PDB file of N, CA and C in Angstrom:
ATOM      1  N   MET A   1       0.848  -1.186   0.000  1.00  0.00           N
ATOM      2  CA  MET A   1       0.000   0.000   0.000  1.00  0.00           C
ATOM      3  C   MET A   1       0.890   1.245   0.000  1.00  0.00           C
ATOM      4  N   THR A   2       0.608   2.170  -0.890  1.00  0.00           N
ATOM      5  CA  THR A   2       1.421   3.380  -0.968  1.00  0.00           C
ATOM      6  C   THR A   2       0.870   4.448  -0.044  1.00  0.00           C
ATOM      7  N   GLN A   3       1.779   5.225   0.484  1.00  0.00           N
ATOM      8  CA  GLN A   3       1.405   6.336   1.358  1.00  0.00           C
ATOM      9  C   GLN A   3       0.924   7.502   0.509  1.00  0.00           C
ATOM     10  N   PRO A   4      -0.143   8.183   0.933  1.00  0.00           N
ATOM     11  CA  PRO A   4      -0.552   9.379   0.202  1.00  0.00           C
ATOM     12  C   PRO A   4       0.512  10.459   0.374  1.00  0.00           C
ATOM     13  N   SER A   5       0.676  11.277  -0.653  1.00  0.00           N
ATOM     14  CA  SER A   5       1.670  12.339  -0.558  1.00  0.00           C
ATOM     15  C   SER A   5       1.107  13.506   0.242  1.00  0.00           C
ATOM     16  N   SER A   6       2.008  14.350   0.693  1.00  0.00           N
ATOM     17  CA  SER A   6       1.564  15.536   1.424  1.00  0.00           C
ATOM     18  C   SER A   6       0.741  16.437   0.509  1.00  0.00           C
ATOM     19  N   ASN A   7       1.035  16.407  -0.810  1.00  0.00           N
ATOM     20  CA  ASN A   7       0.232  17.189  -1.752  1.00  0.00           C
ATOM     21  C   ASN A   7      -1.213  16.705  -1.733  1.00  0.00           C
ATOM     22  N   ASP A   8      -1.416  15.360  -1.654  1.00  0.00           N
ATOM     23  CA  ASP A   8      -2.763  14.800  -1.588  1.00  0.00           C
ATOM     24  C   ASP A   8      -3.483  15.281  -0.330  1.00  0.00           C
ATOM     25  N   THR A   9      -2.779  15.263   0.794  1.00  0.00           N
ATOM     26  CA  THR A   9      -3.371  15.695   2.063  1.00  0.00           C
ATOM     27  C   THR A   9      -3.787  17.152   1.981  1.00  0.00           C
ATOM     28  N   LEU A  10      -2.923  17.999   1.449  1.00  0.00           N
ATOM     29  CA  LEU A  10      -3.249  19.422   1.323  1.00  0.00           C
ATOM     30  C   LEU A  10      -4.415  19.631   0.355  1.00  0.00           C
ATOM     31  N   ALA A  11      -4.435  18.889  -0.744  1.00  0.00           N
ATOM     32  CA  ALA A  11      -5.527  19.025  -1.712  1.00  0.00           C
ATOM     33  C   ALA A  11      -6.858  18.591  -1.090  1.00  0.00           C
ATOM     34  N   ARG A  12      -6.836  17.492  -0.331  1.00  0.00           N
ATOM     35  CA  ARG A  12      -8.074  17.041   0.327  1.00  0.00           C
ATOM     36  C   ARG A  12      -8.555  18.069   1.345  1.00  0.00           C
ATOM     37  N   LEU A  13      -7.636  18.607   2.118  1.00  0.00           N
ATOM     38  CA  LEU A  13      -8.010  19.613   3.103  1.00  0.00           C
ATOM     39  C   LEU A  13      -8.559  20.860   2.412  1.00  0.00           C
ATOM     40  N   ALA A  14      -7.950  21.265   1.299  1.00  0.00           N
ATOM     41  CA  ALA A  14      -8.445  22.432   0.546  1.00  0.00           C
ATOM     42  C   ALA A  14      -9.864  22.181   0.059  1.00  0.00           C
ATOM     43  N   GLU A  15     -10.151  20.951  -0.359  1.00  0.00           N
ATOM     44  CA  GLU A  15     -11.509  20.607  -0.808  1.00  0.00           C
ATOM     45  C   GLU A  15     -12.503  20.715   0.349  1.00  0.00           C
ATOM     46  N   VAL A  16     -12.124  20.231   1.519  1.00  0.00           N
ATOM     47  CA  VAL A  16     -12.997  20.318   2.685  1.00  0.00           C
ATOM     48  C   VAL A  16     -13.267  21.782   3.022  1.00  0.00           C
ATOM     49  N   ILE A  17     -12.224  22.595   2.997  1.00  0.00           N
ATOM     50  CA  ILE A  17     -12.382  24.026   3.288  1.00  0.00           C
ATOM     51  C   ILE A  17     -13.364  24.644   2.302  1.00  0.00           C
ATOM     52  N   GLU A  18     -13.217  24.326   1.013  1.00  0.00           N
ATOM     53  CA  GLU A  18     -14.124  24.876  -0.001  1.00  0.00           C
ATOM     54  C   GLU A  18     -15.564  24.429   0.220  1.00  0.00           C
ATOM     55  N   THR A  19     -15.760  23.162   0.588  1.00  0.00           N
ATOM     56  CA  THR A  19     -17.135  22.680   0.783  1.00  0.00           C
ATOM     57  C   THR A  19     -17.792  23.331   1.993  1.00  0.00           C
ATOM     58  N   ARG A  20     -16.993  23.727   2.958  1.00  0.00           N
ATOM     59  CA  ARG A  20     -17.561  24.349   4.169  1.00  0.00           C
ATOM     60  C   ARG A  20     -17.668  25.861   4.049  1.00  0.00           C
ATOM     61  N   ARG A  21     -17.062  26.406   3.031  1.00  0.00           N
ATOM     62  CA  ARG A  21     -17.021  27.859   2.829  1.00  0.00           C
ATOM     63  C   ARG A  21     -18.413  28.488   2.882  1.00  0.00           C
ATOM     64  N   GLY A  22     -19.356  27.913   2.195  1.00  0.00           N
ATOM     65  CA  GLY A  22     -20.701  28.479   2.143  1.00  0.00           C
ATOM     66  C   GLY A  22     -21.648  27.846   3.147  1.00  0.00           C
ATOM     67  N   GLY A  23     -21.102  27.118   4.103  1.00  0.00           N
ATOM     68  CA  GLY A  23     -21.931  26.429   5.083  1.00  0.00           C
ATOM     69  C   GLY A  23     -22.527  27.361   6.127  1.00  0.00           C
ATOM     70  N   ASP A  24     -23.184  26.750   7.062  1.00  0.00           N
ATOM     71  CA  ASP A  24     -23.848  27.467   8.147  1.00  0.00           C
ATOM     72  C   ASP A  24     -22.822  27.891   9.196  1.00  0.00           C
ATOM     73  N   PRO A  25     -22.650  29.201   9.404  1.00  0.00           N
ATOM     74  CA  PRO A  25     -21.683  29.685  10.391  1.00  0.00           C
ATOM     75  C   PRO A  25     -21.973  29.209  11.814  1.00  0.00           C
ATOM     76  N   GLU A  26     -23.206  28.768  12.067  1.00  0.00           N
ATOM     77  CA  GLU A  26     -23.556  28.256  13.393  1.00  0.00           C
ATOM     78  C   GLU A  26     -23.092  26.810  13.581  1.00  0.00           C
ATOM     79  N   LYS A  27     -22.797  26.130  12.470  1.00  0.00           N
ATOM     80  CA  LYS A  27     -22.453  24.711  12.534  1.00  0.00           C
ATOM     81  C   LYS A  27     -21.037  24.401  12.074  1.00  0.00           C
ATOM     82  N   SER A  28     -20.367  25.350  11.439  1.00  0.00           N
ATOM     83  CA  SER A  28     -19.035  25.103  10.885  1.00  0.00           C
ATOM     84  C   SER A  28     -18.087  26.236  11.253  1.00  0.00           C
ATOM     85  N   TYR A  29     -16.984  25.866  11.872  1.00  0.00           N
ATOM     86  CA  TYR A  29     -15.956  26.844  12.230  1.00  0.00           C
ATOM     87  C   TYR A  29     -15.415  27.537  10.979  1.00  0.00           C
ATOM     88  N   VAL A  30     -15.161  26.750   9.927  1.00  0.00           N
ATOM     89  CA  VAL A  30     -14.632  27.305   8.680  1.00  0.00           C
ATOM     90  C   VAL A  30     -15.641  28.292   8.082  1.00  0.00           C
ATOM     91  N   ALA A  31     -16.901  27.898   8.020  1.00  0.00           N
ATOM     92  CA  ALA A  31     -17.938  28.786   7.492  1.00  0.00           C
ATOM     93  C   ALA A  31     -18.010  30.068   8.321  1.00  0.00           C
ATOM     94  N   ARG A  32     -17.865  29.938   9.636  1.00  0.00           N
ATOM     95  CA  ARG A  32     -17.909  31.114  10.512  1.00  0.00           C
ATOM     96  C   ARG A  32     -16.768  32.082  10.188  1.00  0.00           C
ATOM     97  N   LEU A  33     -15.569  31.539   9.974  1.00  0.00           N
ATOM     98  CA  LEU A  33     -14.446  32.420   9.630  1.00  0.00           C
ATOM     99  C   LEU A  33     -14.689  33.126   8.299  1.00  0.00           C
ATOM    100  N   PHE A  34     -15.127  32.369   7.289  1.00  0.00           N
ATOM    101  CA  PHE A  34     -15.426  32.997   6.003  1.00  0.00           C
ATOM    102  C   PHE A  34     -16.509  34.056   6.157  1.00  0.00           C
ATOM    103  N   HIS A  35     -17.526  33.765   6.946  1.00  0.00           N
ATOM    104  CA  HIS A  35     -18.628  34.700   7.170  1.00  0.00           C
ATOM    105  C   HIS A  35     -18.124  35.994   7.824  1.00  0.00           C
ATOM    106  N   LYS A  36     -17.182  35.868   8.748  1.00  0.00           N
ATOM    107  CA  LYS A  36     -16.649  37.052   9.440  1.00  0.00           C
ATOM    108  C   LYS A  36     -15.752  37.888   8.536  1.00  0.00           C
ATOM    109  N   GLY A  37     -15.135  37.259   7.538  1.00  0.00           N
ATOM    110  CA  GLY A  37     -14.370  38.013   6.547  1.00  0.00           C
ATOM    111  C   GLY A  37     -12.868  38.052   6.748  1.00  0.00           C
ATOM    112  N   THR A  38     -12.258  38.863   5.916  1.00  0.00           N
ATOM    113  CA  THR A  38     -10.803  38.937   5.808  1.00  0.00           C
ATOM    114  C   THR A  38     -10.118  39.202   7.146  1.00  0.00           C
ATOM    115  N   ASP A  39     -10.567  40.203   7.867  1.00  0.00           N
ATOM    116  CA  ASP A  39      -9.884  40.562   9.117  1.00  0.00           C
ATOM    117  C   ASP A  39      -9.878  39.405  10.114  1.00  0.00           C
ATOM    118  N   ALA A  40     -10.991  38.702  10.234  1.00  0.00           N
ATOM    119  CA  ALA A  40     -11.070  37.574  11.173  1.00  0.00           C
ATOM    120  C   ALA A  40     -10.149  36.439  10.743  1.00  0.00           C
ATOM    121  N   ILE A  41     -10.115  36.179   9.451  1.00  0.00           N
ATOM    122  CA  ILE A  41      -9.240  35.113   8.935  1.00  0.00           C
ATOM    123  C   ILE A  41      -7.783  35.467   9.187  1.00  0.00           C
ATOM    124  N   LEU A  42      -7.400  36.681   8.864  1.00  0.00           N
ATOM    125  CA  LEU A  42      -6.001  37.096   9.033  1.00  0.00           C
ATOM    126  C   LEU A  42      -5.611  37.180  10.508  1.00  0.00           C
ATOM    127  N   LYS A  43      -6.553  37.549  11.349  1.00  0.00           N
ATOM    128  CA  LYS A  43      -6.282  37.576  12.786  1.00  0.00           C
ATOM    129  C   LYS A  43      -5.936  36.171  13.276  1.00  0.00           C
ATOM    130  N   LYS A  44      -6.693  35.163  12.805  1.00  0.00           N
ATOM    131  CA  LYS A  44      -6.411  33.780  13.201  1.00  0.00           C
ATOM    132  C   LYS A  44      -5.041  33.330  12.696  1.00  0.00           C
ATOM    133  N   VAL A  45      -4.676  33.708  11.487  1.00  0.00           N
ATOM    134  CA  VAL A  45      -3.350  33.351  10.965  1.00  0.00           C
ATOM    135  C   VAL A  45      -2.281  33.972  11.863  1.00  0.00           C
ATOM    136  N   GLY A  46      -2.461  35.219  12.234  1.00  0.00           N
ATOM    137  CA  GLY A  46      -1.497  35.886  13.112  1.00  0.00           C
ATOM    138  C   GLY A  46      -1.412  35.235  14.479  1.00  0.00           C
ATOM    139  N   GLU A  47      -2.561  34.871  15.041  1.00  0.00           N
ATOM    140  CA  GLU A  47      -2.572  34.195  16.344  1.00  0.00           C
ATOM    141  C   GLU A  47      -1.835  32.865  16.277  1.00  0.00           C
ATOM    142  N   GLU A  48      -2.103  32.111  15.215  1.00  0.00           N
ATOM    143  CA  GLU A  48      -1.460  30.801  15.084  1.00  0.00           C
ATOM    144  C   GLU A  48       0.036  30.937  14.841  1.00  0.00           C
ATOM    145  N   ALA A  49       0.443  31.967  14.109  1.00  0.00           N
ATOM    146  CA  ALA A  49       1.875  32.204  13.898  1.00  0.00           C
ATOM    147  C   ALA A  49       2.558  32.508  15.232  1.00  0.00           C
ATOM    148  N   THR A  50       1.910  33.328  16.043  1.00  0.00           N
ATOM    149  CA  THR A  50       2.459  33.660  17.361  1.00  0.00           C
ATOM    150  C   THR A  50       2.549  32.420  18.243  1.00  0.00           C
ATOM    151  N   GLU A  51       1.501  31.599  18.226  1.00  0.00           N
ATOM    152  CA  GLU A  51       1.512  30.369  19.028  1.00  0.00           C
ATOM    153  C   GLU A  51       2.588  29.405  18.544  1.00  0.00           C
ATOM    154  N   THR A  52       2.859  29.391  17.245  1.00  0.00           N
ATOM    155  CA  THR A  52       3.927  28.555  16.704  1.00  0.00           C
ATOM    156  C   THR A  52       5.280  29.023  17.235  1.00  0.00           C
ATOM    157  N   VAL A  53       5.501  30.317  17.226  1.00  0.00           N
ATOM    158  CA  VAL A  53       6.757  30.871  17.748  1.00  0.00           C
ATOM    159  C   VAL A  53       6.912  30.535  19.223  1.00  0.00           C
ATOM    160  N   MET A  54       5.839  30.696  19.986  1.00  0.00           N
ATOM    161  CA  MET A  54       5.908  30.411  21.424  1.00  0.00           C
ATOM    162  C   MET A  54       6.201  28.930  21.675  1.00  0.00           C
ATOM    163  N   ALA A  55       5.594  28.044  20.901  1.00  0.00           N
ATOM    164  CA  ALA A  55       5.856  26.606  21.049  1.00  0.00           C
ATOM    165  C   ALA A  55       7.305  26.292  20.715  1.00  0.00           C
ATOM    166  N   ALA A  56       7.819  26.933  19.688  1.00  0.00           N
ATOM    167  CA  ALA A  56       9.217  26.701  19.308  1.00  0.00           C
ATOM    168  C   ALA A  56      10.164  27.198  20.396  1.00  0.00           C
ATOM    169  N   LYS A  57       9.845  28.329  20.989  1.00  0.00           N
ATOM    170  CA  LYS A  57      10.692  28.841  22.075  1.00  0.00           C
ATOM    171  C   LYS A  57      10.677  27.889  23.269  1.00  0.00           C
ATOM    172  N   ASP A  58       9.530  27.218  23.498  1.00  0.00           N
ATOM    173  CA  ASP A  58       9.441  26.230  24.581  1.00  0.00           C
ATOM    174  C   ASP A  58      10.225  24.968  24.258  1.00  0.00           C
ATOM    175  N   GLY A  59      10.443  24.717  22.955  1.00  0.00           N
ATOM    176  CA  GLY A  59      11.212  23.551  22.544  1.00  0.00           C
ATOM    177  C   GLY A  59      10.467  22.229  22.625  1.00  0.00           C
ATOM    178  N   ASP A  60       9.148  22.269  22.749  1.00  0.00           N
ATOM    179  CA  ASP A  60       8.340  21.060  22.845  1.00  0.00           C
ATOM    180  C   ASP A  60       7.953  20.622  21.433  1.00  0.00           C
ATOM    181  N   ALA A  61       8.575  19.546  20.935  1.00  0.00           N
ATOM    182  CA  ALA A  61       8.383  19.117  19.552  1.00  0.00           C
ATOM    183  C   ALA A  61       6.917  18.849  19.223  1.00  0.00           C
ATOM    184  N   GLN A  62       6.213  18.156  20.097  1.00  0.00           N
ATOM    185  CA  GLN A  62       4.809  17.836  19.820  1.00  0.00           C
ATOM    186  C   GLN A  62       3.958  19.100  19.752  1.00  0.00           C
ATOM    187  N   LYS A  63       4.238  20.041  20.628  1.00  0.00           N
ATOM    188  CA  LYS A  63       3.497  21.302  20.637  1.00  0.00           C
ATOM    189  C   LYS A  63       3.801  22.111  19.364  1.00  0.00           C
ATOM    190  N   ILE A  64       5.045  22.060  18.911  1.00  0.00           N
ATOM    191  CA  ILE A  64       5.416  22.751  17.674  1.00  0.00           C
ATOM    192  C   ILE A  64       4.625  22.178  16.504  1.00  0.00           C
ATOM    193  N   VAL A  65       4.576  20.853  16.399  1.00  0.00           N
ATOM    194  CA  VAL A  65       3.834  20.209  15.314  1.00  0.00           C
ATOM    195  C   VAL A  65       2.361  20.603  15.370  1.00  0.00           C
ATOM    196  N   TYR A  66       1.781  20.578  16.561  1.00  0.00           N
ATOM    197  CA  TYR A  66       0.373  20.929  16.747  1.00  0.00           C
ATOM    198  C   TYR A  66       0.109  22.367  16.286  1.00  0.00           C
ATOM    199  N   GLU A  67       0.961  23.281  16.694  1.00  0.00           N
ATOM    200  CA  GLU A  67       0.753  24.697  16.358  1.00  0.00           C
ATOM    201  C   GLU A  67       1.008  24.964  14.877  1.00  0.00           C
ATOM    202  N   VAL A  68       2.001  24.300  14.297  1.00  0.00           N
ATOM    203  CA  VAL A  68       2.241  24.474  12.861  1.00  0.00           C
ATOM    204  C   VAL A  68       1.051  23.932  12.069  1.00  0.00           C
ATOM    205  N   ALA A  69       0.472  22.824  12.520  1.00  0.00           N
ATOM    206  CA  ALA A  69      -0.723  22.300  11.856  1.00  0.00           C
ATOM    207  C   ALA A  69      -1.844  23.344  11.895  1.00  0.00           C
ATOM    208  N   ASP A  70      -2.040  23.982  13.041  1.00  0.00           N
ATOM    209  CA  ASP A  70      -3.042  25.053  13.136  1.00  0.00           C
ATOM    210  C   ASP A  70      -2.706  26.213  12.198  1.00  0.00           C
ATOM    211  N   LEU A  71      -1.435  26.574  12.144  1.00  0.00           N
ATOM    212  CA  LEU A  71      -1.002  27.672  11.280  1.00  0.00           C
ATOM    213  C   LEU A  71      -1.250  27.327   9.814  1.00  0.00           C
ATOM    214  N   TRP A  72      -0.877  26.124   9.406  1.00  0.00           N
ATOM    215  CA  TRP A  72      -1.103  25.719   8.016  1.00  0.00           C
ATOM    216  C   TRP A  72      -2.592  25.716   7.699  1.00  0.00           C
ATOM    217  N   PHE A  73      -3.408  25.175   8.607  1.00  0.00           N
ATOM    218  CA  PHE A  73      -4.849  25.109   8.389  1.00  0.00           C
ATOM    219  C   PHE A  73      -5.424  26.510   8.180  1.00  0.00           C
ATOM    220  N   HIS A  74      -5.103  27.419   9.063  1.00  0.00           N
ATOM    221  CA  HIS A  74      -5.646  28.776   8.949  1.00  0.00           C
ATOM    222  C   HIS A  74      -5.055  29.509   7.742  1.00  0.00           C
ATOM    223  N   SER A  75      -3.821  29.213   7.386  1.00  0.00           N
ATOM    224  CA  SER A  75      -3.231  29.786   6.175  1.00  0.00           C
ATOM    225  C   SER A  75      -3.966  29.280   4.936  1.00  0.00           C
ATOM    226  N   MET A  76      -4.396  28.023   4.975  1.00  0.00           N
ATOM    227  CA  MET A  76      -5.156  27.484   3.850  1.00  0.00           C
ATOM    228  C   MET A  76      -6.522  28.146   3.738  1.00  0.00           C
ATOM    229  N   ILE A  77      -7.119  28.498   4.865  1.00  0.00           N
ATOM    230  CA  ILE A  77      -8.377  29.240   4.826  1.00  0.00           C
ATOM    231  C   ILE A  77      -8.125  30.612   4.193  1.00  0.00           C
ATOM    232  N   ALA A  78      -7.024  31.258   4.563  1.00  0.00           N
ATOM    233  CA  ALA A  78      -6.676  32.552   3.962  1.00  0.00           C
ATOM    234  C   ALA A  78      -6.453  32.399   2.460  1.00  0.00           C
ATOM    235  N   LEU A  79      -5.744  31.362   2.052  1.00  0.00           N
ATOM    236  CA  LEU A  79      -5.535  31.133   0.619  1.00  0.00           C
ATOM    237  C   LEU A  79      -6.880  31.018  -0.100  1.00  0.00           C
ATOM    238  N   ALA A  80      -7.770  30.182   0.444  1.00  0.00           N
ATOM    239  CA  ALA A  80      -9.080  29.976  -0.178  1.00  0.00           C
ATOM    240  C   ALA A  80      -9.855  31.292  -0.242  1.00  0.00           C
ATOM    241  N   HIS A  81      -9.762  32.083   0.794  1.00  0.00           N
ATOM    242  CA  HIS A  81     -10.464  33.371   0.839  1.00  0.00           C
ATOM    243  C   HIS A  81     -10.046  34.260  -0.339  1.00  0.00           C
ATOM    244  N   PHE A  82      -8.779  34.150  -0.734  1.00  0.00           N
ATOM    245  CA  PHE A  82      -8.260  34.967  -1.829  1.00  0.00           C
ATOM    246  C   PHE A  82      -8.232  34.222  -3.160  1.00  0.00           C
ATOM    247  N   GLY A  83      -8.954  33.082  -3.214  1.00  0.00           N
ATOM    248  CA  GLY A  83      -9.057  32.342  -4.467  1.00  0.00           C
ATOM    249  C   GLY A  83      -7.815  31.563  -4.838  1.00  0.00           C
ATOM    250  N   LEU A  84      -6.999  31.238  -3.847  1.00  0.00           N
ATOM    251  CA  LEU A  84      -5.753  30.506  -4.084  1.00  0.00           C
ATOM    252  C   LEU A  84      -5.838  29.101  -3.508  1.00  0.00           C
ATOM    253  N   LYS A  85      -4.919  28.245  -3.939  1.00  0.00           N
ATOM    254  CA  LYS A  85      -4.898  26.855  -3.495  1.00  0.00           C
ATOM    255  C   LYS A  85      -3.499  26.483  -3.024  1.00  0.00           C
ATOM    256  N   PRO A  86      -3.400  25.400  -2.268  1.00  0.00           N
ATOM    257  CA  PRO A  86      -2.068  24.951  -1.839  1.00  0.00           C
ATOM    258  C   PRO A  86      -1.112  24.745  -3.017  1.00  0.00           C
ATOM    259  N   GLU A  87      -1.652  24.329  -4.165  1.00  0.00           N
ATOM    260  CA  GLU A  87      -0.804  24.114  -5.342  1.00  0.00           C
ATOM    261  C   GLU A  87      -0.078  25.392  -5.756  1.00  0.00           C
ATOM    262  N   ASP A  88      -0.699  26.547  -5.524  1.00  0.00           N
ATOM    263  CA  ASP A  88      -0.045  27.813  -5.851  1.00  0.00           C
ATOM    264  C   ASP A  88       1.202  28.013  -4.994  1.00  0.00           C
ATOM    265  N   VAL A  89       1.095  27.675  -3.722  1.00  0.00           N
ATOM    266  CA  VAL A  89       2.237  27.806  -2.814  1.00  0.00           C
ATOM    267  C   VAL A  89       3.295  26.763  -3.157  1.00  0.00           C
ATOM    268  N   LEU A  90       2.853  25.534  -3.430  1.00  0.00           N
ATOM    269  CA  LEU A  90       3.800  24.476  -3.790  1.00  0.00           C
ATOM    270  C   LEU A  90       4.546  24.830  -5.079  1.00  0.00           C
ATOM    271  N   ALA A  91       3.861  25.419  -6.041  1.00  0.00           N
ATOM    272  CA  ALA A  91       4.517  25.839  -7.281  1.00  0.00           C
ATOM    273  C   ALA A  91       5.572  26.901  -7.003  1.00  0.00           C
ATOM    274  N   GLU A  92       5.272  27.823  -6.094  1.00  0.00           N
ATOM    275  CA  GLU A  92       6.256  28.857  -5.736  1.00  0.00           C
ATOM    276  C   GLU A  92       7.464  28.226  -5.045  1.00  0.00           C
ATOM    277  N   LEU A  93       7.215  27.268  -4.150  1.00  0.00           N
ATOM    278  CA  LEU A  93       8.339  26.591  -3.489  1.00  0.00           C
ATOM    279  C   LEU A  93       9.180  25.826  -4.500  1.00  0.00           C
ATOM    280  N   GLU A  94       8.523  25.180  -5.458  1.00  0.00           N
ATOM    281  CA  GLU A  94       9.259  24.460  -6.501  1.00  0.00           C
ATOM    282  C   GLU A  94      10.067  25.426  -7.350  1.00  0.00           C
ATOM    283  N   ARG A  95       9.507  26.600  -7.632  1.00  0.00           N
ATOM    284  CA  ARG A  95      10.232  27.612  -8.402  1.00  0.00           C
ATOM    285  C   ARG A  95      11.514  28.024  -7.687  1.00  0.00           C
ATOM    286  N   ARG A  96      11.430  28.090  -6.368  1.00  0.00           N
ATOM    287  CA  ARG A  96      12.583  28.519  -5.570  1.00  0.00           C
ATOM    288  C   ARG A  96      13.602  27.410  -5.344  1.00  0.00           C
ATOM    289  N   GLU A  97      13.201  26.175  -5.589  1.00  0.00           N
ATOM    290  CA  GLU A  97      14.077  25.047  -5.312  1.00  0.00           C
ATOM    291  C   GLU A  97      15.382  25.204  -6.078  1.00  0.00           C
ATOM    292  N   GLY A  98      16.476  25.021  -5.386  1.00  0.00           N
ATOM    293  CA  GLY A  98      17.789  25.133  -6.001  1.00  0.00           C
ATOM    294  C   GLY A  98      18.370  26.528  -5.936  1.00  0.00           C
ATOM    295  N   LEU A  99      17.564  27.511  -5.549  1.00  0.00           N
ATOM    296  CA  LEU A  99      18.078  28.872  -5.369  1.00  0.00           C
ATOM    297  C   LEU A  99      18.497  29.043  -3.917  1.00  0.00           C
ATOM    298  N   SER A 100      19.559  29.766  -3.719  1.00  0.00           N
ATOM    299  CA  SER A 100      19.905  30.065  -2.331  1.00  0.00           C
ATOM    300  C   SER A 100      18.922  31.107  -1.824  1.00  0.00           C
ATOM    301  N   GLY A 101      18.737  31.138  -0.529  1.00  0.00           N
ATOM    302  CA  GLY A 101      17.844  32.131   0.058  1.00  0.00           C
ATOM    303  C   GLY A 101      18.285  33.547  -0.255  1.00  0.00           C
ATOM    304  N   LEU A 102      19.589  33.774  -0.279  1.00  0.00           N
ATOM    305  CA  LEU A 102      20.105  35.111  -0.575  1.00  0.00           C
ATOM    306  C   LEU A 102      19.839  35.489  -2.028  1.00  0.00           C
ATOM    307  N   GLU A 103      19.975  34.508  -2.924  1.00  0.00           N
ATOM    308  CA  GLU A 103      19.711  34.763  -4.332  1.00  0.00           C
ATOM    309  C   GLU A 103      18.223  35.083  -4.547  1.00  0.00           C
ATOM    310  N   GLU A 104      17.350  34.324  -3.898  1.00  0.00           N
ATOM    311  CA  GLU A 104      15.914  34.564  -4.008  1.00  0.00           C
ATOM    312  C   GLU A 104      15.557  35.945  -3.465  1.00  0.00           C
ATOM    313  N   PHE A 105      16.147  36.317  -2.333  1.00  0.00           N
ATOM    314  CA  PHE A 105      15.882  37.624  -1.738  1.00  0.00           C
ATOM    315  C   PHE A 105      16.318  38.735  -2.692  1.00  0.00           C
ATOM    316  N   ALA A 106      17.491  38.581  -3.319  1.00  0.00           N
ATOM    317  CA  ALA A 106      17.988  39.592  -4.256  1.00  0.00           C
ATOM    318  C   ALA A 106      17.061  39.710  -5.469  1.00  0.00           C
ATOM    319  N   ARG A 107      16.585  38.581  -5.992  1.00  0.00           N
ATOM    320  CA  ARG A 107      15.656  38.605  -7.127  1.00  0.00           C
ATOM    321  C   ARG A 107      14.356  39.305  -6.756  1.00  0.00           C
ATOM    322  N   ARG A 108      13.850  39.025  -5.564  1.00  0.00           N
ATOM    323  CA  ARG A 108      12.599  39.633  -5.120  1.00  0.00           C
ATOM    324  C   ARG A 108      12.763  41.147  -5.002  1.00  0.00           C
ATOM    325  N   LYS A 109      13.884  41.590  -4.425  1.00  0.00           N
ATOM    326  CA  LYS A 109      14.135  43.034  -4.290  1.00  0.00           C
ATOM    327  C   LYS A 109      14.217  43.701  -5.663  1.00  0.00           C
ATOM    328  N   LEU A 110      14.870  43.022  -6.626  1.00  0.00           N
ATOM    329  CA  LEU A 110      14.979  43.567  -7.973  1.00  0.00           C
ATOM    330  C   LEU A 110      13.601  43.697  -8.616  1.00  0.00           C
ATOM    331  N   ARG A 111      12.759  42.665  -8.475  1.00  0.00           N
ATOM    332  CA  ARG A 111      11.390  42.717  -9.023  1.00  0.00           C
ATOM    333  C   ARG A 111      10.598  43.849  -8.379  1.00  0.00           C
ATOM    334  N   GLU A 112      10.722  44.023  -7.065  1.00  0.00           N
ATOM    335  CA  GLU A 112      10.007  45.096  -6.379  1.00  0.00           C
ATOM    336  C   GLU A 112      10.449  46.458  -6.891  1.00  0.00           C
ATOM    337  N   ARG A 113      11.766  46.613  -7.082  1.00  0.00           N
ATOM    338  CA  ARG A 113      12.307  47.883  -7.565  1.00  0.00           C
ATOM    339  C   ARG A 113      11.805  48.154  -8.976  1.00  0.00           C
ATOM    340  N   GLU A 114      11.823  47.127  -9.850  1.00  0.00           N
ATOM    341  CA  GLU A 114      11.338  47.295 -11.227  1.00  0.00           C
ATOM    342  C   GLU A 114       9.848  47.637 -11.239  1.00  0.00           C
ATOM    343  N   ASN A 115       9.069  47.002 -10.392  1.00  0.00           N
ATOM    344  CA  ASN A 115       7.630  47.282 -10.325  1.00  0.00           C
ATOM    345  C   ASN A 115       7.346  48.692  -9.838  1.00  0.00           C
ATOM    346  N   SER A 116       8.115  49.165  -8.866  1.00  0.00           N
ATOM    347  CA  SER A 116       7.870  50.514  -8.343  1.00  0.00           C
ATOM    348  C   SER A 116       8.322  51.588  -9.321  1.00  0.00           C
ATOM    349  N   GLU A 117       9.344  51.301 -10.121  1.00  0.00           N
ATOM    350  CA  GLU A 117       9.800  52.266 -11.121  1.00  0.00           C
ATOM    351  C   GLU A 117       8.845  52.337 -12.307  1.00  0.00           C
ATOM    352  N   GLY A 118       8.200  51.194 -12.602  1.00  0.00           N
ATOM    353  CA  GLY A 118       7.272  51.150 -13.725  1.00  0.00           C
ATOM    354  C   GLY A 118       5.888  51.671 -13.384  1.00  0.00           C
ATOM    355  N   ALA A 119       5.636  51.866 -12.107  1.00  0.00           N
ATOM    356  CA  ALA A 119       4.286  52.301 -11.692  1.00  0.00           C
ATOM    357  C   ALA A 119       4.099  53.782 -11.795  1.00  0.00           C
TER     358      ALA A 119
END
């Protein structure tokens, strides 16, 4: 039996998020976040990011995994809110594969500078 890939897991979770998007906010946490809108979704992403940092500072591996899972979940809700999917993020990570972090940072700064000069 083959193990499902992490891409499969993310795609399945994205599908669940989409199916709950228009659900009853009284019965679905995901529907409630979508109903509350952008600020509520982004607030949850920020809270989960902070909790991830705090777990990492504590050095508790299980707590780190738990908090990162929450962060990824809420980030996926944010992606869906803006019409994006996990595949978009995975494609960006694949694009960066093989580039050093410093090289990627320099390219990003150059693109930002070109965009601001052209605007």
